[in-house]
Amino acid sequence: MDNVRAALARQGFVRSSDRGILGGVCAGIGRRFGLGPWVSRLFFLVLLMVLPGSQFLVYPVLWFLMPSDDSVIAASHAPRPMR
């Protein structure tokens, strides 16, 4: 599980804790692609109309898998164990 979250964080898929309305998934994806949070939410709604139902499965999975930006910042400032 941590490997998936670390891979998503390396690729820039991080949930937004300050701009999120419901989990910050759309705001985080929008930030990754250089879009504002409202633009990414609008794309999500349009996608919901084109492919109904699939987003209700994808959004909770992304909410669970994408790390929050607070946890990524905390992990980057944590001291690394010596080997």
PDB file of N, CA and C in Angstrom:
ATOM      1  N   MET A   1       0.821  -1.187   0.000  1.00  0.00           N
ATOM      2  CA  MET A   1       0.000   0.000   0.000  1.00  0.00           C
ATOM      3  C   MET A   1       0.868   1.254   0.000  1.00  0.00           C
ATOM      4  N   ASP A   2       1.923   1.253   0.825  1.00  0.00           N
ATOM      5  CA  ASP A   2       2.794   2.421   0.880  1.00  0.00           C
ATOM      6  C   ASP A   2       3.548   2.615  -0.427  1.00  0.00           C
ATOM      7  N   ASN A   3       3.822   1.518  -1.135  1.00  0.00           N
ATOM      8  CA  ASN A   3       4.494   1.628  -2.427  1.00  0.00           C
ATOM      9  C   ASN A   3       3.623   2.357  -3.439  1.00  0.00           C
ATOM     10  N   VAL A   4       2.322   2.081  -3.424  1.00  0.00           N
ATOM     11  CA  VAL A   4       1.398   2.742  -4.343  1.00  0.00           C
ATOM     12  C   VAL A   4       1.313   4.221  -4.009  1.00  0.00           C
ATOM     13  N   ARG A   5       1.192   4.536  -2.744  1.00  0.00           N
ATOM     14  CA  ARG A   5       1.118   5.952  -2.334  1.00  0.00           C
ATOM     15  C   ARG A   5       2.407   6.693  -2.655  1.00  0.00           C
ATOM     16  N   ALA A   6       3.545   6.044  -2.457  1.00  0.00           N
ATOM     17  CA  ALA A   6       4.830   6.679  -2.770  1.00  0.00           C
ATOM     18  C   ALA A   6       4.961   6.905  -4.277  1.00  0.00           C
ATOM     19  N   ALA A   7       4.507   5.950  -5.073  1.00  0.00           N
ATOM     20  CA  ALA A   7       4.565   6.099  -6.528  1.00  0.00           C
ATOM     21  C   ALA A   7       3.663   7.236  -6.995  1.00  0.00           C
ATOM     22  N   LEU A   8       2.473   7.333  -6.433  1.00  0.00           N
ATOM     23  CA  LEU A   8       1.575   8.433  -6.787  1.00  0.00           C
ATOM     24  C   LEU A   8       2.159   9.778  -6.361  1.00  0.00           C
ATOM     25  N   ALA A   9       2.778   9.819  -5.195  1.00  0.00           N
ATOM     26  CA  ALA A   9       3.387  11.064  -4.721  1.00  0.00           C
ATOM     27  C   ALA A   9       4.551  11.476  -5.615  1.00  0.00           C
ATOM     28  N   ARG A  10       5.366  10.513  -6.066  1.00  0.00           N
ATOM     29  CA  ARG A  10       6.481  10.834  -6.964  1.00  0.00           C
ATOM     30  C   ARG A  10       5.992  11.390  -8.288  1.00  0.00           C
ATOM     31  N   GLN A  11       4.833  10.933  -8.745  1.00  0.00           N
ATOM     32  CA  GLN A  11       4.280  11.402 -10.011  1.00  0.00           C
ATOM     33  C   GLN A  11       3.480  12.696  -9.858  1.00  0.00           C
ATOM     34  N   GLY A  12       3.326  13.173  -8.638  1.00  0.00           N
ATOM     35  CA  GLY A  12       2.624  14.424  -8.403  1.00  0.00           C
ATOM     36  C   GLY A  12       1.148  14.292  -8.121  1.00  0.00           C
ATOM     37  N   PHE A  13       0.651  13.077  -7.975  1.00  0.00           N
ATOM     38  CA  PHE A  13      -0.758  12.873  -7.658  1.00  0.00           C
ATOM     39  C   PHE A  13      -0.914  12.875  -6.136  1.00  0.00           C
ATOM     40  N   VAL A  14      -1.173  14.063  -5.598  1.00  0.00           N
ATOM     41  CA  VAL A  14      -1.274  14.263  -4.155  1.00  0.00           C
ATOM     42  C   VAL A  14      -2.565  15.022  -3.883  1.00  0.00           C
ATOM     43  N   ARG A  15      -3.357  14.531  -2.925  1.00  0.00           N
ATOM     44  CA  ARG A  15      -4.609  15.215  -2.575  1.00  0.00           C
ATOM     45  C   ARG A  15      -4.313  16.563  -1.947  1.00  0.00           C
ATOM     46  N   SER A  16      -5.118  17.530  -2.265  1.00  0.00           N
ATOM     47  CA  SER A  16      -4.972  18.873  -1.712  1.00  0.00           C
ATOM     48  C   SER A  16      -5.730  18.971  -0.402  1.00  0.00           C
ATOM     49  N   SER A  17      -5.049  19.411   0.634  1.00  0.00           N
ATOM     50  CA  SER A  17      -5.726  19.534   1.925  1.00  0.00           C
ATOM     51  C   SER A  17      -6.336  20.920   2.117  1.00  0.00           C
ATOM     52  N   ASP A  18      -5.872  21.917   1.383  1.00  0.00           N
ATOM     53  CA  ASP A  18      -6.395  23.262   1.581  1.00  0.00           C
ATOM     54  C   ASP A  18      -7.421  23.667   0.528  1.00  0.00           C
ATOM     55  N   ARG A  19      -7.435  23.044  -0.642  1.00  0.00           N
ATOM     56  CA  ARG A  19      -8.385  23.409  -1.691  1.00  0.00           C
ATOM     57  C   ARG A  19      -9.429  22.336  -1.945  1.00  0.00           C
ATOM     58  N   GLY A  20      -9.380  21.275  -1.173  1.00  0.00           N
ATOM     59  CA  GLY A  20     -10.305  20.170  -1.398  1.00  0.00           C
ATOM     60  C   GLY A  20     -11.663  20.419  -0.778  1.00  0.00           C
ATOM     61  N   ILE A  21     -12.686  19.971  -1.469  1.00  0.00           N
ATOM     62  CA  ILE A  21     -14.041  20.049  -0.932  1.00  0.00           C
ATOM     63  C   ILE A  21     -14.430  18.697  -0.357  1.00  0.00           C
ATOM     64  N   LEU A  22     -14.210  17.652  -1.142  1.00  0.00           N
ATOM     65  CA  LEU A  22     -14.535  16.305  -0.692  1.00  0.00           C
ATOM     66  C   LEU A  22     -13.300  15.434  -0.901  1.00  0.00           C
ATOM     67  N   GLY A  23     -12.388  15.480   0.021  1.00  0.00           N
ATOM     68  CA  GLY A  23     -11.182  14.670  -0.058  1.00  0.00           C
ATOM     69  C   GLY A  23     -10.020  15.310  -0.775  1.00  0.00           C
ATOM     70  N   GLY A  24     -10.240  16.266  -1.634  1.00  0.00           N
ATOM     71  CA  GLY A  24      -9.161  16.943  -2.335  1.00  0.00           C
ATOM     72  C   GLY A  24      -8.634  16.201  -3.547  1.00  0.00           C
ATOM     73  N   VAL A  25      -9.342  15.197  -4.025  1.00  0.00           N
ATOM     74  CA  VAL A  25      -8.867  14.400  -5.154  1.00  0.00           C
ATOM     75  C   VAL A  25      -8.866  15.222  -6.438  1.00  0.00           C
ATOM     76  N   CYS A  26      -9.960  15.869  -6.760  1.00  0.00           N
ATOM     77  CA  CYS A  26     -10.025  16.665  -7.992  1.00  0.00           C
ATOM     78  C   CYS A  26      -9.047  17.834  -7.943  1.00  0.00           C
ATOM     79  N   ALA A  27      -8.913  18.472  -6.799  1.00  0.00           N
ATOM     80  CA  ALA A  27      -7.966  19.578  -6.673  1.00  0.00           C
ATOM     81  C   ALA A  27      -6.536  19.083  -6.835  1.00  0.00           C
ATOM     82  N   GLY A  28      -6.230  17.915  -6.305  1.00  0.00           N
ATOM     83  CA  GLY A  28      -4.896  17.346  -6.448  1.00  0.00           C
ATOM     84  C   GLY A  28      -4.583  16.941  -7.875  1.00  0.00           C
ATOM     85  N   ILE A  29      -5.550  16.356  -8.560  1.00  0.00           N
ATOM     86  CA  ILE A  29      -5.352  15.980  -9.959  1.00  0.00           C
ATOM     87  C   ILE A  29      -5.220  17.230 -10.818  1.00  0.00           C
ATOM     88  N   GLY A  30      -6.031  18.233 -10.523  1.00  0.00           N
ATOM     89  CA  GLY A  30      -5.922  19.496 -11.256  1.00  0.00           C
ATOM     90  C   GLY A  30      -4.566  20.153 -11.066  1.00  0.00           C
ATOM     91  N   ARG A  31      -4.058  20.124  -9.843  1.00  0.00           N
ATOM     92  CA  ARG A  31      -2.733  20.697  -9.579  1.00  0.00           C
ATOM     93  C   ARG A  31      -1.657  19.941 -10.350  1.00  0.00           C
ATOM     94  N   ARG A  32      -1.797  18.618 -10.447  1.00  0.00           N
ATOM     95  CA  ARG A  32      -0.813  17.807 -11.172  1.00  0.00           C
ATOM     96  C   ARG A  32      -0.744  18.189 -12.635  1.00  0.00           C
ATOM     97  N   PHE A  33      -1.889  18.503 -13.242  1.00  0.00           N
ATOM     98  CA  PHE A  33      -1.933  18.842 -14.658  1.00  0.00           C
ATOM     99  C   PHE A  33      -1.949  20.345 -14.913  1.00  0.00           C
ATOM    100  N   GLY A  34      -1.745  21.146 -13.877  1.00  0.00           N
ATOM    101  CA  GLY A  34      -1.665  22.594 -14.041  1.00  0.00           C
ATOM    102  C   GLY A  34      -3.015  23.269 -14.211  1.00  0.00           C
ATOM    103  N   LEU A  35      -4.059  22.663 -13.689  1.00  0.00           N
ATOM    104  CA  LEU A  35      -5.406  23.222 -13.772  1.00  0.00           C
ATOM    105  C   LEU A  35      -5.857  23.693 -12.398  1.00  0.00           C
ATOM    106  N   GLY A  36      -6.785  24.594 -12.381  1.00  0.00           N
ATOM    107  CA  GLY A  36      -7.372  25.025 -11.121  1.00  0.00           C
ATOM    108  C   GLY A  36      -8.302  23.953 -10.591  1.00  0.00           C
ATOM    109  N   PRO A  37      -8.615  24.016  -9.299  1.00  0.00           N
ATOM    110  CA  PRO A  37      -9.489  22.985  -8.734  1.00  0.00           C
ATOM    111  C   PRO A  37     -10.889  22.982  -9.344  1.00  0.00           C
ATOM    112  N   TRP A  38     -11.415  24.146  -9.685  1.00  0.00           N
ATOM    113  CA  TRP A  38     -12.765  24.179 -10.243  1.00  0.00           C
ATOM    114  C   TRP A  38     -12.798  23.647 -11.665  1.00  0.00           C
ATOM    115  N   VAL A  39     -11.734  23.858 -12.405  1.00  0.00           N
ATOM    116  CA  VAL A  39     -11.668  23.317 -13.766  1.00  0.00           C
ATOM    117  C   VAL A  39     -11.623  21.787 -13.718  1.00  0.00           C
ATOM    118  N   SER A  40     -10.836  21.246 -12.817  1.00  0.00           N
ATOM    119  CA  SER A  40     -10.767  19.782 -12.713  1.00  0.00           C
ATOM    120  C   SER A  40     -12.087  19.202 -12.211  1.00  0.00           C
ATOM    121  N   ARG A  41     -12.777  19.912 -11.338  1.00  0.00           N
ATOM    122  CA  ARG A  41     -14.099  19.443 -10.892  1.00  0.00           C
ATOM    123  C   ARG A  41     -15.106  19.473 -12.044  1.00  0.00           C
ATOM    124  N   LEU A  42     -14.997  20.501 -12.889  1.00  0.00           N
ATOM    125  CA  LEU A  42     -15.877  20.589 -14.049  1.00  0.00           C
ATOM    126  C   LEU A  42     -15.604  19.426 -15.010  1.00  0.00           C
ATOM    127  N   PHE A  43     -14.316  19.109 -15.238  1.00  0.00           N
ATOM    128  CA  PHE A  43     -13.988  17.944 -16.064  1.00  0.00           C
ATOM    129  C   PHE A  43     -14.538  16.665 -15.453  1.00  0.00           C
ATOM    130  N   PHE A  44     -14.492  16.555 -14.146  1.00  0.00           N
ATOM    131  CA  PHE A  44     -15.033  15.379 -13.474  1.00  0.00           C
ATOM    132  C   PHE A  44     -16.532  15.265 -13.716  1.00  0.00           C
ATOM    133  N   LEU A  45     -17.250  16.379 -13.633  1.00  0.00           N
ATOM    134  CA  LEU A  45     -18.699  16.351 -13.877  1.00  0.00           C
ATOM    135  C   LEU A  45     -19.021  16.009 -15.322  1.00  0.00           C
ATOM    136  N   VAL A  46     -18.244  16.555 -16.266  1.00  0.00           N
ATOM    137  CA  VAL A  46     -18.460  16.228 -17.676  1.00  0.00           C
ATOM    138  C   VAL A  46     -18.189  14.744 -17.908  1.00  0.00           C
ATOM    139  N   LEU A  47     -17.118  14.232 -17.309  1.00  0.00           N
ATOM    140  CA  LEU A  47     -16.816  12.810 -17.429  1.00  0.00           C
ATOM    141  C   LEU A  47     -17.913  11.961 -16.810  1.00  0.00           C
ATOM    142  N   LEU A  48     -18.513  12.449 -15.737  1.00  0.00           N
ATOM    143  CA  LEU A  48     -19.614  11.743 -15.097  1.00  0.00           C
ATOM    144  C   LEU A  48     -20.811  11.636 -16.035  1.00  0.00           C
ATOM    145  N   MET A  49     -21.040  12.673 -16.835  1.00  0.00           N
ATOM    146  CA  MET A  49     -22.157  12.635 -17.779  1.00  0.00           C
ATOM    147  C   MET A  49     -21.865  11.717 -18.960  1.00  0.00           C
ATOM    148  N   VAL A  50     -20.597  11.643 -19.380  1.00  0.00           N
ATOM    149  CA  VAL A  50     -20.237  10.817 -20.531  1.00  0.00           C
ATOM    150  C   VAL A  50     -20.176   9.339 -20.141  1.00  0.00           C
ATOM    151  N   LEU A  51     -19.527   9.058 -19.007  1.00  0.00           N
ATOM    152  CA  LEU A  51     -19.384   7.682 -18.521  1.00  0.00           C
ATOM    153  C   LEU A  51     -20.037   7.568 -17.148  1.00  0.00           C
ATOM    154  N   PRO A  52     -21.340   7.468 -17.072  1.00  0.00           N
ATOM    155  CA  PRO A  52     -22.005   7.486 -15.773  1.00  0.00           C
ATOM    156  C   PRO A  52     -21.666   6.277 -14.913  1.00  0.00           C
ATOM    157  N   GLY A  53     -21.432   6.566 -13.651  1.00  0.00           N
ATOM    158  CA  GLY A  53     -21.236   5.503 -12.682  1.00  0.00           C
ATOM    159  C   GLY A  53     -19.802   5.153 -12.357  1.00  0.00           C
ATOM    160  N   SER A  54     -18.923   5.216 -13.333  1.00  0.00           N
ATOM    161  CA  SER A  54     -17.547   4.775 -13.085  1.00  0.00           C
ATOM    162  C   SER A  54     -16.818   5.683 -12.093  1.00  0.00           C
ATOM    163  N   GLN A  55     -17.156   6.944 -12.057  1.00  0.00           N
ATOM    164  CA  GLN A  55     -16.486   7.871 -11.154  1.00  0.00           C
ATOM    165  C   GLN A  55     -16.811   7.580  -9.700  1.00  0.00           C
ATOM    166  N   PHE A  56     -17.951   6.984  -9.465  1.00  0.00           N
ATOM    167  CA  PHE A  56     -18.308   6.650  -8.081  1.00  0.00           C
ATOM    168  C   PHE A  56     -17.464   5.508  -7.547  1.00  0.00           C
ATOM    169  N   LEU A  57     -16.823   4.784  -8.442  1.00  0.00           N
ATOM    170  CA  LEU A  57     -15.870   3.762  -8.029  1.00  0.00           C
ATOM    171  C   LEU A  57     -14.450   4.316  -7.992  1.00  0.00           C
ATOM    172  N   VAL A  58     -14.101   5.140  -8.972  1.00  0.00           N
ATOM    173  CA  VAL A  58     -12.742   5.652  -9.095  1.00  0.00           C
ATOM    174  C   VAL A  58     -12.429   6.678  -8.015  1.00  0.00           C
ATOM    175  N   TYR A  59     -13.349   7.585  -7.741  1.00  0.00           N
ATOM    176  CA  TYR A  59     -13.082   8.666  -6.786  1.00  0.00           C
ATOM    177  C   TYR A  59     -12.753   8.139  -5.387  1.00  0.00           C
ATOM    178  N   PRO A  60     -13.527   7.229  -4.808  1.00  0.00           N
ATOM    179  CA  PRO A  60     -13.155   6.717  -3.477  1.00  0.00           C
ATOM    180  C   PRO A  60     -11.834   5.950  -3.476  1.00  0.00           C
ATOM    181  N   VAL A  61     -11.546   5.237  -4.565  1.00  0.00           N
ATOM    182  CA  VAL A  61     -10.271   4.520  -4.637  1.00  0.00           C
ATOM    183  C   VAL A  61      -9.115   5.518  -4.667  1.00  0.00           C
ATOM    184  N   LEU A  62      -9.240   6.569  -5.473  1.00  0.00           N
ATOM    185  CA  LEU A  62      -8.193   7.594  -5.498  1.00  0.00           C
ATOM    186  C   LEU A  62      -8.076   8.313  -4.159  1.00  0.00           C
ATOM    187  N   TRP A  63      -9.197   8.538  -3.507  1.00  0.00           N
ATOM    188  CA  TRP A  63      -9.185   9.187  -2.201  1.00  0.00           C
ATOM    189  C   TRP A  63      -8.387   8.340  -1.209  1.00  0.00           C
ATOM    190  N   PHE A  64      -8.544   7.043  -1.306  1.00  0.00           N
ATOM    191  CA  PHE A  64      -7.836   6.148  -0.405  1.00  0.00           C
ATOM    192  C   PHE A  64      -6.353   6.017  -0.778  1.00  0.00           C
ATOM    193  N   LEU A  65      -6.058   5.955  -2.079  1.00  0.00           N
ATOM    194  CA  LEU A  65      -4.687   5.702  -2.515  1.00  0.00           C
ATOM    195  C   LEU A  65      -3.805   6.946  -2.582  1.00  0.00           C
ATOM    196  N   MET A  66      -4.383   8.082  -2.947  1.00  0.00           N
ATOM    197  CA  MET A  66      -3.559   9.296  -3.083  1.00  0.00           C
ATOM    198  C   MET A  66      -3.193   9.835  -1.703  1.00  0.00           C
ATOM    199  N   PRO A  67      -1.912  10.075  -1.469  1.00  0.00           N
ATOM    200  CA  PRO A  67      -1.524  10.652  -0.178  1.00  0.00           C
ATOM    201  C   PRO A  67      -1.908  12.125  -0.123  1.00  0.00           C
ATOM    202  N   SER A  68      -2.154  12.628   1.073  1.00  0.00           N
ATOM    203  CA  SER A  68      -2.452  14.050   1.215  1.00  0.00           C
ATOM    204  C   SER A  68      -1.151  14.830   1.173  1.00  0.00           C
ATOM    205  N   ASP A  69      -1.249  16.093   0.781  1.00  0.00           N
ATOM    206  CA  ASP A  69      -0.033  16.886   0.697  1.00  0.00           C
ATOM    207  C   ASP A  69       0.588  17.119   2.073  1.00  0.00           C
ATOM    208  N   ASP A  70      -0.227  17.098   3.129  1.00  0.00           N
ATOM    209  CA  ASP A  70       0.327  17.226   4.486  1.00  0.00           C
ATOM    210  C   ASP A  70       1.219  16.041   4.835  1.00  0.00           C
ATOM    211  N   SER A  71       0.798  14.834   4.470  1.00  0.00           N
ATOM    212  CA  SER A  71       1.598  13.654   4.796  1.00  0.00           C
ATOM    213  C   SER A  71       2.867  13.591   3.958  1.00  0.00           C
ATOM    214  N   VAL A  72       2.810  14.081   2.720  1.00  0.00           N
ATOM    215  CA  VAL A  72       3.997  14.091   1.870  1.00  0.00           C
ATOM    216  C   VAL A  72       5.015  15.087   2.404  1.00  0.00           C
ATOM    217  N   ILE A  73       4.550  16.248   2.846  1.00  0.00           N
ATOM    218  CA  ILE A  73       5.452  17.255   3.416  1.00  0.00           C
ATOM    219  C   ILE A  73       6.063  16.739   4.707  1.00  0.00           C
ATOM    220  N   ALA A  74       5.249  16.102   5.546  1.00  0.00           N
ATOM    221  CA  ALA A  74       5.767  15.568   6.811  1.00  0.00           C
ATOM    222  C   ALA A  74       6.788  14.462   6.564  1.00  0.00           C
ATOM    223  N   ALA A  75       6.544  13.625   5.566  1.00  0.00           N
ATOM    224  CA  ALA A  75       7.481  12.543   5.264  1.00  0.00           C
ATOM    225  C   ALA A  75       8.791  13.072   4.695  1.00  0.00           C
ATOM    226  N   SER A  76       8.728  14.165   3.959  1.00  0.00           N
ATOM    227  CA  SER A  76       9.955  14.704   3.379  1.00  0.00           C
ATOM    228  C   SER A  76      10.823  15.396   4.428  1.00  0.00           C
ATOM    229  N   HIS A  77      10.224  15.840   5.539  1.00  0.00           N
ATOM    230  CA  HIS A  77      10.978  16.488   6.614  1.00  0.00           C
ATOM    231  C   HIS A  77      11.371  15.532   7.728  1.00  0.00           C
ATOM    232  N   ALA A  78      10.917  14.296   7.639  1.00  0.00           N
ATOM    233  CA  ALA A  78      11.239  13.319   8.681  1.00  0.00           C
ATOM    234  C   ALA A  78      12.699  12.902   8.577  1.00  0.00           C
ATOM    235  N   PRO A  79      13.356  12.723   9.694  1.00  0.00           N
ATOM    236  CA  PRO A  79      14.759  12.290   9.626  1.00  0.00           C
ATOM    237  C   PRO A  79      14.861  10.868   9.087  1.00  0.00           C
ATOM    238  N   ARG A  80      15.847  10.643   8.264  1.00  0.00           N
ATOM    239  CA  ARG A  80      16.041   9.326   7.669  1.00  0.00           C
ATOM    240  C   ARG A  80      16.873   8.458   8.614  1.00  0.00           C
ATOM    241  N   PRO A  81      16.490   7.198   8.776  1.00  0.00           N
ATOM    242  CA  PRO A  81      17.251   6.317   9.661  1.00  0.00           C
ATOM    243  C   PRO A  81      18.637   6.023   9.063  1.00  0.00           C
ATOM    244  N   MET A  82      19.606   5.932   9.929  1.00  0.00           N
ATOM    245  CA  MET A  82      20.964   5.623   9.487  1.00  0.00           C
ATOM    246  C   MET A  82      21.100   4.123   9.291  1.00  0.00           C
ATOM    247  N   ARG A  83      21.855   3.726   8.325  1.00  0.00           N
ATOM    248  CA  ARG A  83      22.042   2.297   8.041  1.00  0.00           C
ATOM    249  C   ARG A  83      23.344   1.807   8.566  1.00  0.00           C
TER     250      ARG A  83
END
